[in-house]
Amino acid sequence: MKAKYQIFKIKGKKFVVKLDYNELINDYEYHMYIRHLIMPQQAIAAYFAKTYETYNAQYDRYEVYSKKYDITVYYTYLKEEDILLITAFKGGKYE
């Protein structure tokens, strides 16, 4: 599977977002949008407005829930505190 990444720099942080190749449209789309209809900008807003955050050792990721946006974000750190947004979706276990 072909994949690309896009970088967003917001409030002094660098967010890395995966794009998947969509053969139906012959172009790249955000992984989290294809899967859950969440745009990276929404996930980043939820990250900054987090209500709860926990570390999931089983999957080596952080899980954040924003009550304000009703969005859960999964992320991990890359080198030098860059954040890889794994995925995001509406709702969550903390609602």
N, C-alpha and C. Protein backbone atom coordinates (compact mmCIF):
# COMPACT_ATOMS: atom_id res chain seq x y z
N MET A 1 0.84 -1.17 0.00
CA MET A 1 0.00 0.00 0.00
C MET A 1 0.89 1.24 0.00
N LYS A 2 0.57 2.18 -0.86
CA LYS A 2 1.31 3.44 -0.90
C LYS A 2 0.83 4.34 0.23
N ALA A 3 1.76 5.04 0.86
CA ALA A 3 1.39 5.97 1.92
C ALA A 3 2.29 7.19 1.86
N LYS A 4 1.76 8.31 2.28
CA LYS A 4 2.48 9.56 2.41
C LYS A 4 2.15 10.14 3.77
N TYR A 5 2.86 11.17 4.14
CA TYR A 5 2.60 11.84 5.40
C TYR A 5 2.57 13.34 5.17
N GLN A 6 1.74 14.03 5.93
CA GLN A 6 1.66 15.48 5.86
C GLN A 6 1.96 16.02 7.26
N ILE A 7 2.62 17.16 7.30
CA ILE A 7 3.00 17.77 8.56
C ILE A 7 2.21 19.05 8.79
N PHE A 8 1.72 19.19 10.02
CA PHE A 8 1.04 20.41 10.46
C PHE A 8 1.84 20.96 11.62
N LYS A 9 2.19 22.24 11.58
CA LYS A 9 2.90 22.88 12.69
C LYS A 9 1.94 23.87 13.34
N ILE A 10 1.60 23.58 14.59
CA ILE A 10 0.62 24.38 15.31
C ILE A 10 1.07 24.55 16.76
N LYS A 11 1.06 25.77 17.23
CA LYS A 11 1.41 26.10 18.62
C LYS A 11 2.73 25.48 19.05
N GLY A 12 3.73 25.54 18.19
CA GLY A 12 5.05 25.05 18.52
C GLY A 12 5.21 23.54 18.48
N LYS A 13 4.19 22.83 18.05
CA LYS A 13 4.26 21.38 17.93
C LYS A 13 4.15 20.97 16.48
N LYS A 14 4.79 19.86 16.15
CA LYS A 14 4.71 19.32 14.79
C LYS A 14 3.89 18.04 14.84
N PHE A 15 2.80 18.02 14.07
CA PHE A 15 1.92 16.86 13.98
C PHE A 15 2.12 16.20 12.62
N VAL A 16 2.32 14.89 12.62
CA VAL A 16 2.50 14.12 11.40
C VAL A 16 1.25 13.28 11.19
N VAL A 17 0.69 13.36 9.99
CA VAL A 17 -0.57 12.69 9.68
C VAL A 17 -0.38 11.80 8.45
N LYS A 18 -0.85 10.58 8.55
CA LYS A 18 -0.72 9.62 7.44
C LYS A 18 -1.81 9.85 6.39
N LEU A 19 -1.39 9.74 5.12
CA LEU A 19 -2.33 9.75 4.01
C LEU A 19 -2.25 8.38 3.33
N ASP A 20 -3.38 7.83 2.97
CA ASP A 20 -3.45 6.56 2.25
C ASP A 20 -3.83 6.82 0.81
N TYR A 21 -3.29 6.00 -0.07
CA TYR A 21 -3.64 6.11 -1.48
C TYR A 21 -4.99 5.46 -1.72
N ASN A 22 -5.90 6.21 -2.33
CA ASN A 22 -7.23 5.72 -2.63
C ASN A 22 -7.29 5.43 -4.13
N GLU A 23 -7.31 4.16 -4.49
CA GLU A 23 -7.30 3.78 -5.90
C GLU A 23 -8.57 4.18 -6.63
N LEU A 24 -9.66 4.36 -5.91
CA LEU A 24 -10.92 4.76 -6.56
C LEU A 24 -10.84 6.17 -7.14
N ILE A 25 -10.11 7.03 -6.46
CA ILE A 25 -10.01 8.41 -6.94
C ILE A 25 -8.60 8.74 -7.45
N ASN A 26 -7.69 7.77 -7.39
CA ASN A 26 -6.30 7.95 -7.82
C ASN A 26 -5.63 9.15 -7.14
N ASP A 27 -5.81 9.23 -5.84
CA ASP A 27 -5.22 10.33 -5.09
C ASP A 27 -5.09 9.90 -3.62
N TYR A 28 -4.41 10.74 -2.84
CA TYR A 28 -4.22 10.46 -1.42
C TYR A 28 -5.28 11.18 -0.58
N GLU A 29 -5.69 10.51 0.47
CA GLU A 29 -6.64 11.09 1.42
C GLU A 29 -6.14 10.78 2.83
N TYR A 30 -6.56 11.59 3.79
CA TYR A 30 -6.16 11.36 5.17
C TYR A 30 -6.69 10.03 5.67
N HIS A 31 -5.80 9.25 6.27
CA HIS A 31 -6.17 7.94 6.82
C HIS A 31 -7.35 8.07 7.80
N MET A 32 -7.28 9.04 8.72
CA MET A 32 -8.33 9.18 9.73
C MET A 32 -9.65 9.64 9.11
N TYR A 33 -9.57 10.34 7.98
CA TYR A 33 -10.82 10.74 7.31
C TYR A 33 -11.45 9.55 6.60
N ILE A 34 -10.63 8.76 5.93
CA ILE A 34 -11.15 7.57 5.23
C ILE A 34 -11.82 6.63 6.23
N ARG A 35 -11.19 6.43 7.38
CA ARG A 35 -11.69 5.49 8.37
C ARG A 35 -12.82 6.03 9.23
N HIS A 36 -12.71 7.31 9.64
CA HIS A 36 -13.62 7.82 10.68
C HIS A 36 -14.23 9.19 10.39
N LEU A 37 -14.01 9.73 9.21
CA LEU A 37 -14.55 11.03 8.80
C LEU A 37 -14.12 12.18 9.71
N ILE A 38 -12.87 12.08 10.21
CA ILE A 38 -12.28 13.15 11.03
C ILE A 38 -11.10 13.74 10.26
N MET A 39 -11.09 15.05 10.14
CA MET A 39 -9.98 15.74 9.48
C MET A 39 -8.86 15.97 10.50
N PRO A 40 -7.61 16.06 10.04
CA PRO A 40 -6.50 16.29 10.96
C PRO A 40 -6.68 17.55 11.82
N GLN A 41 -7.23 18.60 11.24
CA GLN A 41 -7.44 19.83 11.99
C GLN A 41 -8.38 19.60 13.18
N GLN A 42 -9.38 18.73 13.00
CA GLN A 42 -10.28 18.41 14.11
C GLN A 42 -9.55 17.61 15.19
N ALA A 43 -8.72 16.67 14.76
CA ALA A 43 -7.94 15.86 15.71
C ALA A 43 -6.97 16.74 16.49
N ILE A 44 -6.33 17.68 15.83
CA ILE A 44 -5.39 18.56 16.49
C ILE A 44 -6.12 19.47 17.49
N ALA A 45 -7.27 19.99 17.09
CA ALA A 45 -8.07 20.82 18.01
C ALA A 45 -8.46 20.00 19.24
N ALA A 46 -8.84 18.74 19.05
CA ALA A 46 -9.21 17.87 20.17
C ALA A 46 -8.00 17.60 21.06
N TYR A 47 -6.82 17.43 20.46
CA TYR A 47 -5.59 17.22 21.22
C TYR A 47 -5.35 18.39 22.18
N PHE A 48 -5.50 19.61 21.69
CA PHE A 48 -5.25 20.79 22.52
C PHE A 48 -6.38 21.04 23.53
N ALA A 49 -7.56 20.51 23.28
CA ALA A 49 -8.70 20.69 24.19
C ALA A 49 -9.00 19.40 24.94
N LYS A 50 -7.98 18.60 25.20
CA LYS A 50 -8.20 17.29 25.83
C LYS A 50 -8.79 17.42 27.22
N THR A 51 -9.71 16.52 27.50
CA THR A 51 -10.33 16.41 28.80
C THR A 51 -9.65 15.31 29.60
N TYR A 52 -9.34 14.21 28.94
CA TYR A 52 -8.67 13.06 29.55
C TYR A 52 -7.53 12.61 28.65
N GLU A 53 -6.49 12.07 29.28
CA GLU A 53 -5.39 11.49 28.52
C GLU A 53 -4.83 10.32 29.32
N THR A 54 -4.53 9.24 28.60
CA THR A 54 -3.94 8.07 29.23
C THR A 54 -2.93 7.45 28.28
N TYR A 55 -2.00 6.70 28.84
CA TYR A 55 -1.04 5.98 28.02
C TYR A 55 -1.47 4.52 27.97
N ASN A 56 -1.56 3.96 26.77
CA ASN A 56 -1.93 2.56 26.57
C ASN A 56 -0.65 1.78 26.28
N ALA A 57 -0.12 1.12 27.32
CA ALA A 57 1.15 0.40 27.18
C ALA A 57 1.04 -0.79 26.23
N GLN A 58 -0.13 -1.40 26.16
CA GLN A 58 -0.31 -2.54 25.27
C GLN A 58 -0.05 -2.17 23.82
N TYR A 59 -0.50 -0.96 23.42
CA TYR A 59 -0.34 -0.51 22.03
C TYR A 59 0.71 0.58 21.88
N ASP A 60 1.40 0.94 22.97
CA ASP A 60 2.44 1.96 22.96
C ASP A 60 1.95 3.26 22.31
N ARG A 61 0.83 3.77 22.84
CA ARG A 61 0.26 5.00 22.31
C ARG A 61 -0.45 5.76 23.43
N TYR A 62 -0.67 7.03 23.18
CA TYR A 62 -1.46 7.86 24.09
C TYR A 62 -2.87 7.94 23.52
N GLU A 63 -3.83 8.00 24.43
CA GLU A 63 -5.24 8.10 24.03
C GLU A 63 -5.83 9.32 24.73
N VAL A 64 -6.35 10.23 23.94
CA VAL A 64 -6.86 11.50 24.43
C VAL A 64 -8.34 11.59 24.07
N TYR A 65 -9.13 12.12 24.99
CA TYR A 65 -10.54 12.40 24.68
C TYR A 65 -10.81 13.87 24.95
N SER A 66 -11.47 14.52 24.02
CA SER A 66 -11.89 15.91 24.18
C SER A 66 -13.41 15.96 24.29
N LYS A 67 -13.88 16.31 25.47
CA LYS A 67 -15.33 16.44 25.67
C LYS A 67 -15.88 17.59 24.82
N LYS A 68 -15.09 18.65 24.66
CA LYS A 68 -15.52 19.81 23.87
C LYS A 68 -15.87 19.42 22.44
N TYR A 69 -15.05 18.56 21.83
CA TYR A 69 -15.26 18.15 20.44
C TYR A 69 -15.85 16.76 20.30
N ASP A 70 -15.95 16.02 21.41
CA ASP A 70 -16.41 14.63 21.41
C ASP A 70 -15.59 13.79 20.42
N ILE A 71 -14.28 13.94 20.53
CA ILE A 71 -13.35 13.22 19.65
C ILE A 71 -12.28 12.54 20.50
N THR A 72 -11.96 11.30 20.16
CA THR A 72 -10.85 10.57 20.74
C THR A 72 -9.71 10.57 19.73
N VAL A 73 -8.50 10.80 20.22
CA VAL A 73 -7.30 10.84 19.36
C VAL A 73 -6.29 9.84 19.91
N TYR A 74 -5.74 9.02 19.02
CA TYR A 74 -4.64 8.13 19.37
C TYR A 74 -3.38 8.72 18.74
N TYR A 75 -2.31 8.83 19.55
CA TYR A 75 -1.07 9.36 19.02
C TYR A 75 0.13 8.74 19.72
N THR A 76 1.29 8.94 19.13
CA THR A 76 2.55 8.54 19.73
C THR A 76 3.58 9.61 19.39
N TYR A 77 4.70 9.57 20.09
CA TYR A 77 5.76 10.53 19.82
C TYR A 77 6.77 9.96 18.85
N LEU A 78 7.22 10.81 17.95
CA LEU A 78 8.33 10.50 17.06
C LEU A 78 9.55 11.22 17.63
N LYS A 79 10.62 11.26 16.89
CA LYS A 79 11.83 11.94 17.38
C LYS A 79 11.55 13.39 17.77
N GLU A 80 12.26 13.85 18.77
CA GLU A 80 12.21 15.25 19.20
C GLU A 80 10.80 15.76 19.47
N GLU A 81 9.97 14.94 20.06
CA GLU A 81 8.63 15.37 20.48
C GLU A 81 7.65 15.62 19.33
N ASP A 82 7.99 15.24 18.11
CA ASP A 82 7.01 15.32 17.02
C ASP A 82 5.92 14.31 17.32
N ILE A 83 4.70 14.65 16.98
CA ILE A 83 3.55 13.81 17.31
C ILE A 83 3.01 13.15 16.04
N LEU A 84 2.95 11.83 16.06
CA LEU A 84 2.32 11.08 14.98
C LEU A 84 0.87 10.83 15.39
N LEU A 85 -0.06 11.44 14.65
CA LEU A 85 -1.48 11.20 14.91
C LEU A 85 -1.84 9.88 14.25
N ILE A 86 -2.10 8.87 15.05
CA ILE A 86 -2.40 7.54 14.54
C ILE A 86 -3.79 7.52 13.91
N THR A 87 -4.77 7.97 14.67
CA THR A 87 -6.13 8.07 14.16
C THR A 87 -6.95 8.90 15.13
N ALA A 88 -8.17 9.22 14.72
CA ALA A 88 -9.11 9.95 15.57
C ALA A 88 -10.51 9.55 15.15
N PHE A 89 -11.42 9.58 16.12
CA PHE A 89 -12.80 9.19 15.83
C PHE A 89 -13.75 9.88 16.79
N LYS A 90 -15.02 9.98 16.41
CA LYS A 90 -16.06 10.59 17.24
C LYS A 90 -16.35 9.72 18.44
N GLY A 91 -16.61 10.36 19.56
CA GLY A 91 -16.95 9.64 20.78
C GLY A 91 -15.72 9.07 21.46
N GLY A 92 -15.96 8.22 22.44
CA GLY A 92 -14.85 7.60 23.13
C GLY A 92 -15.28 6.97 24.42
N LYS A 93 -14.37 6.29 25.06
CA LYS A 93 -14.68 5.56 26.27
C LYS A 93 -14.83 6.48 27.48
N TYR A 94 -14.49 7.75 27.34
CA TYR A 94 -14.55 8.68 28.47
C TYR A 94 -15.79 9.55 28.47
N GLU A 95 -16.68 9.38 27.50
CA GLU A 95 -17.84 10.26 27.36
C GLU A 95 -18.67 10.29 28.64
